[in-house]
Amino acid sequence: MTRRKIVGASLFFTLFGAIAIFPPVIWLFQADSPVFGVPLEVLYIFGLWIALVIGALRFATMLPPDEPSALENWDKDQ
């Protein structure tokens, strides 16, 4: 994948994460029965957080290194 596609995908991933934390989406996971003594909403929030951290790490490792521009090289030559 090109650098531009990876940056675009990471932006989409960030927007998805922001929308997934909105209260109407969290209300979908309201339940009276806890899982292992933990409310389902809390498991959703922490599961989403872990997924976003792992996704960000994956995007960071896929991103090729940024090459310096000609203007930055010109500054170093002088």
Protein backbone atom coordinates (compact mmCIF):
# COMPACT_ATOMS: atom_id res chain seq x y z
CA MET A 1 0.00 0.00 0.00
CA THR A 2 1.14 3.51 -0.65
CA ARG A 3 1.74 6.05 2.08
CA ARG A 4 -1.31 8.05 1.02
CA LYS A 5 -3.62 5.03 1.29
CA ILE A 6 -2.30 4.14 4.73
CA VAL A 7 -2.80 7.71 5.98
CA GLY A 8 -6.34 7.73 4.57
CA ALA A 9 -7.13 4.37 6.18
CA SER A 10 -5.78 5.55 9.53
CA LEU A 11 -7.99 8.64 9.33
CA PHE A 12 -11.03 6.45 8.66
CA PHE A 13 -10.00 4.18 11.55
CA THR A 14 -9.76 7.20 13.88
CA LEU A 15 -13.17 8.51 12.85
CA PHE A 16 -14.68 5.05 13.32
CA GLY A 17 -13.21 4.92 16.83
CA ALA A 18 -14.61 8.35 17.68
CA ILE A 19 -18.09 7.43 16.46
CA ALA A 20 -17.98 4.07 18.27
CA ILE A 21 -17.57 5.89 21.61
CA PHE A 22 -20.66 8.09 21.17
CA PRO A 23 -23.35 7.35 23.78
CA PRO A 24 -26.02 6.08 21.31
CA VAL A 25 -23.63 3.34 20.19
CA ILE A 26 -22.66 2.48 23.77
CA TRP A 27 -26.34 2.25 24.72
CA LEU A 28 -26.63 -0.67 22.31
CA PHE A 29 -24.49 -2.67 24.74
CA GLN A 30 -26.56 -1.96 27.84
CA ALA A 31 -27.49 -5.17 29.58
CA ASP A 32 -28.55 -6.10 33.07
CA SER A 33 -26.41 -9.21 33.18
CA PRO A 34 -22.69 -8.62 33.79
CA VAL A 35 -19.99 -10.73 32.18
CA PHE A 36 -17.57 -12.07 34.82
CA GLY A 37 -18.95 -9.41 37.18
CA VAL A 38 -18.15 -6.54 34.79
CA PRO A 39 -20.90 -4.58 33.02
CA LEU A 40 -21.09 -5.13 29.27
CA GLU A 41 -20.66 -1.37 28.57
CA VAL A 42 -17.31 -1.38 30.35
CA LEU A 43 -16.13 -4.42 28.41
CA TYR A 44 -17.19 -2.70 25.18
CA ILE A 45 -15.28 0.49 25.99
CA PHE A 46 -12.09 -1.33 27.01
CA GLY A 47 -12.35 -3.77 24.11
CA LEU A 48 -12.74 -0.87 21.70
CA TRP A 49 -9.82 0.93 23.31
CA ILE A 50 -7.58 -2.13 22.97
CA ALA A 51 -8.66 -2.59 19.34
CA LEU A 52 -7.88 1.07 18.55
CA VAL A 53 -4.45 0.85 20.16
CA ILE A 54 -3.59 -2.34 18.27
CA GLY A 55 -4.90 -0.83 15.02
CA ALA A 56 -2.85 2.33 15.51
CA LEU A 57 0.24 0.22 16.17
CA ARG A 58 -0.43 -1.76 13.01
CA PHE A 59 -0.83 1.39 10.91
CA ALA A 60 2.36 2.82 12.41
CA THR A 61 4.37 -0.26 11.49
CA MET A 62 2.92 -0.40 7.95
CA LEU A 63 3.72 3.25 7.28
CA PRO A 64 6.93 3.63 5.25
CA PRO A 65 9.50 6.13 6.54
CA ASP A 66 9.00 9.70 5.41
CA GLU A 67 11.73 10.79 3.04
CA PRO A 68 13.09 14.31 3.49
CA SER A 69 12.12 16.84 0.89
CA ALA A 70 14.60 18.65 -1.36
CA LEU A 71 14.09 21.84 0.68
CA GLU A 72 15.22 20.08 3.89
CA ASN A 73 18.33 18.78 2.10
CA TRP A 74 19.08 22.29 0.83
CA ASP A 75 19.08 23.64 4.39
CA LYS A 76 21.59 21.01 5.50
CA ASP A 77 23.97 21.75 2.61
CA GLN A 78 24.45 25.34 3.64
